[in-house]
Amino acid sequence: MRNNPAAFGSGAIIGTLGGLIGLGGAEFRLPLLISLFGFRGLEAVVLNKATSLIVVASALPFRARAVPFAEIFAHWPIMLNLLAGSLVGAYAGASWATRLKSGTLYKIIAVLLLLIAGVLLLAHNAAVTAPALTGASLTVAGVAAGFAIGIVASLLGVAGGEFLIPTLILLFGADVKLAGSLSLAVSLPTMLVGFARYSRDQSFSVLRTNWPFMLAMAIGSIVGTFIGGLLLGIVPNSILLPGLVAILVISAVKVWRHE
């Protein structure tokens, strides 16, 4: 199964699923790398991280027409607030992942997939409200949330948008479109820090030996994300979200049982 057409096709399907709800699909890609393509835990995380970096880097300019860069960077205090925690969390998460036994990492990945399933089901359609916190309390909450998101993003090799977008809406009162772009702007440096930490581990060699596979999956994911964006709104969330949650739950069970 480790061939370029399979990588492109699976990336396109995953990207479409993610694009339908405004995500890159890395949450669905990781279980596939482990269960279908047979990569070991940390190797799958590193491959997922590299693929996610390419997808996120391409998604930000795609969204520039809807949310201009000037509008994104006008909210630099929010980005800095979250980055103050997420950069540290990303480095810590990557450091922990490199020290964990494969069996333990599989269990952690399975639990985090279930957590993402819960967030998608309960908080994906969060309504914009006035921030409940202000001043120093809001800053502390933003740093704490960023730290937790950075850890999860590093352990799974994902961008973290499934957590960042609800945080930006509920904690900072950002509207959905702006939250999506701010999420990407925060994710990119956060992922780079985690990626830099992984580059010091021997599992990073999986990129050198599988770079055509990774590139094919990344291109497929970008194409799929674009298609998913075009199809956005055609499939109602009342049907789509429970289906995606079911996929994540099944994936979590398979990863938990993975040897």
Protein backbone atom coordinates (compact mmCIF):
# COMPACT_ATOMS: atom_id res chain seq x y z
CA MET A 1 0.00 0.00 0.00
CA ARG A 2 2.96 2.38 0.38
CA ASN A 3 2.81 3.75 -3.14
CA ASN A 4 2.29 7.26 -4.43
CA PRO A 5 -1.18 6.75 -5.99
CA ALA A 6 -2.48 5.26 -2.71
CA ALA A 7 -0.93 8.15 -0.78
CA PHE A 8 -2.47 10.74 -3.12
CA GLY A 9 -5.90 9.06 -3.13
CA SER A 10 -6.10 8.66 0.63
CA GLY A 11 -4.83 12.21 1.12
CA ALA A 12 -7.53 13.53 -1.22
CA ILE A 13 -10.29 11.65 0.62
CA ILE A 14 -9.02 12.79 4.02
CA GLY A 15 -8.59 16.38 2.80
CA THR A 16 -12.14 16.41 1.46
CA LEU A 17 -13.52 15.19 4.79
CA GLY A 18 -11.53 17.85 6.63
CA GLY A 19 -12.40 20.56 4.14
CA LEU A 20 -16.11 19.92 4.61
CA ILE A 21 -15.80 21.19 8.20
CA GLY A 22 -12.96 23.66 7.67
CA LEU A 23 -10.04 21.49 8.85
CA GLY A 24 -6.99 20.04 7.10
CA GLY A 25 -7.85 16.42 7.89
CA ALA A 26 -4.68 15.52 9.83
CA GLU A 27 -6.86 14.01 12.56
CA PHE A 28 -8.03 11.38 10.07
CA ARG A 29 -4.66 11.03 8.32
CA LEU A 30 -2.73 9.85 11.39
CA PRO A 31 -4.79 6.68 12.06
CA LEU A 32 -4.53 5.83 8.36
CA LEU A 33 -0.74 6.13 8.42
CA ILE A 34 -0.66 3.71 11.35
CA SER A 35 -3.40 1.21 10.49
CA LEU A 36 -3.39 1.17 6.68
CA PHE A 37 0.16 2.10 5.71
CA GLY A 38 1.88 0.39 8.65
CA PHE A 39 4.09 3.21 9.94
CA ARG A 40 5.15 2.97 13.57
CA GLY A 41 3.70 5.47 16.05
CA LEU A 42 6.39 8.16 16.07
CA GLU A 43 7.14 7.73 12.36
CA ALA A 44 3.44 8.28 11.60
CA VAL A 45 3.38 11.40 13.78
CA VAL A 46 6.45 12.85 12.01
CA LEU A 47 4.98 12.10 8.56
CA ASN A 48 1.66 13.60 9.62
CA LYS A 49 3.42 16.70 10.96
CA ALA A 50 5.37 17.22 7.70
CA THR A 51 2.24 16.74 5.58
CA SER A 52 0.24 19.06 7.84
CA LEU A 53 2.89 21.77 7.50
CA ILE A 54 2.53 21.73 3.71
CA VAL A 55 -1.28 21.74 3.89
CA VAL A 56 -1.43 24.58 6.44
CA ALA A 57 1.14 26.68 4.55
CA SER A 58 -0.99 26.39 1.39
CA ALA A 59 -4.31 26.96 3.18
CA LEU A 60 -3.42 30.41 4.55
CA PRO A 61 -3.04 32.12 1.15
CA PHE A 62 -6.13 30.25 -0.12
CA ARG A 63 -8.15 32.02 2.58
CA ALA A 64 -6.63 35.45 1.89
CA ARG A 65 -9.51 36.45 -0.38
CA ALA A 66 -12.08 35.83 2.37
CA VAL A 67 -9.89 37.09 5.23
CA PRO A 68 -7.05 39.44 4.08
CA PHE A 69 -3.64 39.19 5.74
CA ALA A 70 -4.05 42.76 7.01
CA GLU A 71 -7.14 41.71 8.99
CA ILE A 72 -5.34 38.66 10.38
CA PHE A 73 -2.31 40.61 11.57
CA ALA A 74 -4.52 43.36 13.00
CA HIS A 75 -5.30 40.76 15.68
CA TRP A 76 -1.63 40.15 16.52
CA PRO A 77 -2.21 40.46 20.32
CA ILE A 78 -4.49 37.38 20.21
CA MET A 79 -1.96 35.45 18.13
CA LEU A 80 0.90 36.36 20.45
CA ASN A 81 -1.20 35.40 23.47
CA LEU A 82 -1.85 31.90 22.13
CA LEU A 83 1.66 31.49 20.71
CA ALA A 84 3.19 32.28 24.11
CA GLY A 85 1.74 28.98 25.27
CA SER A 86 1.55 26.92 22.08
CA LEU A 87 5.25 27.23 21.15
CA VAL A 88 6.32 25.91 24.56
CA GLY A 89 3.62 23.24 24.44
CA ALA A 90 4.69 22.11 20.96
CA TYR A 91 8.31 21.67 22.04
CA ALA A 92 7.29 19.86 25.23
CA GLY A 93 4.86 17.59 23.38
CA ALA A 94 7.47 16.61 20.78
CA SER A 95 10.04 15.96 23.52
CA TRP A 96 7.63 13.68 25.39
CA ALA A 97 6.65 11.82 22.21
CA THR A 98 10.28 10.95 21.42
CA ARG A 99 10.71 9.41 24.88
CA LEU A 100 7.52 7.35 24.96
CA LYS A 101 7.36 3.65 24.16
CA SER A 102 5.36 2.89 21.01
CA GLY A 103 2.61 1.13 22.97
CA THR A 104 2.17 4.12 25.27
CA LEU A 105 2.16 6.54 22.32
CA TYR A 106 -0.59 4.50 20.62
CA LYS A 107 -2.73 4.72 23.76
CA ILE A 108 -2.20 8.49 24.03
CA ILE A 109 -3.02 8.97 20.34
CA ALA A 110 -6.22 6.94 20.77
CA VAL A 111 -7.35 9.03 23.76
CA LEU A 112 -6.59 12.30 21.94
CA LEU A 113 -8.56 11.13 18.88
CA LEU A 114 -11.54 10.52 21.17
CA LEU A 115 -11.02 14.01 22.64
CA ILE A 116 -11.08 15.52 19.13
CA ALA A 117 -14.25 13.54 18.36
CA GLY A 118 -15.88 15.10 21.43
CA VAL A 119 -14.76 18.61 20.45
CA LEU A 120 -16.10 18.18 16.91
CA LEU A 121 -19.44 16.99 18.22
CA LEU A 122 -19.90 19.55 20.99
CA ALA A 123 -17.92 22.67 20.11
CA HIS A 124 -17.51 22.82 16.34
CA ASN A 125 -20.56 25.01 15.84
CA ALA A 126 -19.76 27.25 18.78
CA ALA A 127 -21.60 30.56 18.61
CA VAL A 128 -19.73 33.85 18.86
CA THR A 129 -20.18 35.42 22.27
CA ALA A 130 -18.61 38.30 24.14
CA PRO A 131 -15.43 37.13 25.93
CA ALA A 132 -16.19 36.14 29.52
CA LEU A 133 -12.64 37.06 30.59
CA THR A 134 -10.72 40.31 30.17
CA GLY A 135 -7.31 41.74 30.99
CA ALA A 136 -4.78 39.57 32.80
CA SER A 137 -7.21 36.68 33.31
CA LEU A 138 -7.81 36.46 29.55
CA THR A 139 -4.06 36.53 28.89
CA VAL A 140 -3.40 33.72 31.38
CA ALA A 141 -6.27 31.66 29.94
CA GLY A 142 -4.94 32.20 26.40
CA VAL A 143 -1.43 31.06 27.35
CA ALA A 144 -2.80 27.99 29.16
CA ALA A 145 -5.05 27.07 26.23
CA GLY A 146 -2.19 27.59 23.76
CA PHE A 147 0.11 25.36 25.84
CA ALA A 148 -2.43 22.51 25.91
CA ILE A 149 -3.14 22.86 22.18
CA GLY A 150 0.59 22.91 21.37
CA ILE A 151 1.10 19.64 23.25
CA VAL A 152 -1.79 17.92 21.46
CA ALA A 153 -0.68 19.25 18.07
CA SER A 154 2.84 17.86 18.55
CA LEU A 155 1.73 14.48 19.88
CA LEU A 156 -0.61 13.94 16.92
CA GLY A 157 1.28 15.84 14.22
CA VAL A 158 -1.80 17.99 13.55
CA ALA A 159 -2.32 21.73 13.11
CA GLY A 160 -4.65 21.93 16.11
CA GLY A 161 -7.44 23.83 14.36
CA GLU A 162 -10.12 21.62 15.92
CA PHE A 163 -9.11 23.14 19.29
CA LEU A 164 -7.89 26.57 18.21
CA ILE A 165 -11.05 27.59 16.37
CA PRO A 166 -13.42 26.97 19.34
CA THR A 167 -10.87 28.66 21.64
CA LEU A 168 -10.70 31.75 19.43
CA ILE A 169 -14.49 31.93 19.24
CA LEU A 170 -15.33 31.19 22.87
CA LEU A 171 -12.36 32.81 24.61
CA PHE A 172 -11.63 35.79 22.35
CA GLY A 173 -14.99 36.34 20.64
CA ALA A 174 -13.64 35.99 17.08
CA ASP A 175 -16.13 35.26 14.29
CA VAL A 176 -15.86 31.89 12.52
CA LYS A 177 -14.11 33.10 9.34
CA LEU A 178 -11.53 35.13 11.25
CA ALA A 179 -11.02 32.28 13.73
CA GLY A 180 -10.21 29.90 10.88
CA SER A 181 -7.47 32.16 9.51
CA LEU A 182 -6.10 33.09 12.94
CA SER A 183 -5.96 29.38 13.71
CA LEU A 184 -3.76 28.77 10.66
CA ALA A 185 -1.53 31.74 11.55
CA VAL A 186 -0.99 30.34 15.06
CA SER A 187 -0.66 26.74 13.85
CA LEU A 188 2.19 27.36 11.42
CA PRO A 189 4.88 28.57 13.88
CA THR A 190 3.59 26.11 16.49
CA MET A 191 4.05 23.21 14.09
CA LEU A 192 7.48 24.46 13.03
CA VAL A 193 8.68 24.35 16.64
CA GLY A 194 7.41 20.79 17.10
CA PHE A 195 8.89 19.82 13.74
CA ALA A 196 12.27 21.25 14.71
CA ARG A 197 12.25 19.17 17.90
CA TYR A 198 11.34 16.00 16.00
CA SER A 199 14.22 16.63 13.57
CA ARG A 200 16.63 15.72 16.38
CA ASP A 201 15.14 12.23 16.77
CA GLN A 202 16.12 9.19 14.70
CA SER A 203 12.47 8.69 13.66
CA PHE A 204 12.86 11.85 11.55
CA SER A 205 14.69 9.67 9.00
CA VAL A 206 11.26 8.39 7.89
CA LEU A 207 10.96 11.60 5.84
CA ARG A 208 14.19 10.93 3.95
CA THR A 209 13.13 7.42 2.99
CA ASN A 210 9.46 8.22 2.30
CA TRP A 211 9.50 11.79 0.96
CA PRO A 212 7.78 10.93 -2.39
CA PHE A 213 5.01 9.18 -0.44
CA MET A 214 4.67 12.14 1.92
CA LEU A 215 4.64 14.67 -0.93
CA ALA A 216 1.96 12.68 -2.81
CA MET A 217 -0.19 12.56 0.33
CA ALA A 218 0.31 16.29 0.94
CA ILE A 219 -0.72 17.18 -2.63
CA GLY A 220 -3.71 14.88 -2.36
CA SER A 221 -4.67 16.50 0.94
CA ILE A 222 -4.46 20.00 -0.56
CA VAL A 223 -6.62 18.95 -3.52
CA GLY A 224 -9.08 17.29 -1.15
CA THR A 225 -9.23 20.30 1.16
CA PHE A 226 -10.03 22.50 -1.84
CA ILE A 227 -12.78 20.09 -2.97
CA GLY A 228 -14.16 19.90 0.55
CA GLY A 229 -14.29 23.69 0.69
CA LEU A 230 -16.29 23.77 -2.55
CA LEU A 231 -18.71 21.19 -1.17
CA LEU A 232 -19.05 23.06 2.12
CA GLY A 233 -22.70 23.43 3.02
CA ILE A 234 -23.95 20.73 0.64
CA VAL A 235 -23.80 18.03 3.31
CA PRO A 236 -25.62 19.26 6.47
CA ASN A 237 -23.58 19.26 9.67
CA SER A 238 -26.32 17.25 11.37
CA ILE A 239 -25.26 14.32 9.16
CA LEU A 240 -21.61 15.15 8.53
CA LEU A 241 -20.33 15.67 12.08
CA PRO A 242 -21.72 12.45 13.60
CA GLY A 243 -20.24 10.54 10.66
CA LEU A 244 -16.81 12.08 11.14
CA VAL A 245 -17.01 11.51 14.89
CA ALA A 246 -17.80 7.85 14.23
CA ILE A 247 -14.72 7.60 11.98
CA LEU A 248 -12.54 9.08 14.72
CA VAL A 249 -13.96 6.73 17.37
CA ILE A 250 -13.37 3.67 15.17
CA SER A 251 -9.86 4.93 14.38
CA ALA A 252 -9.15 5.45 18.08
CA VAL A 253 -10.17 1.86 18.86
CA LYS A 254 -7.95 0.51 16.08
CA VAL A 255 -4.97 2.59 17.18
CA TRP A 256 -5.48 1.56 20.83
CA ARG A 257 -5.34 -2.10 19.80
CA HIS A 258 -2.40 -1.58 17.45
CA GLU A 259 0.72 -3.58 18.30
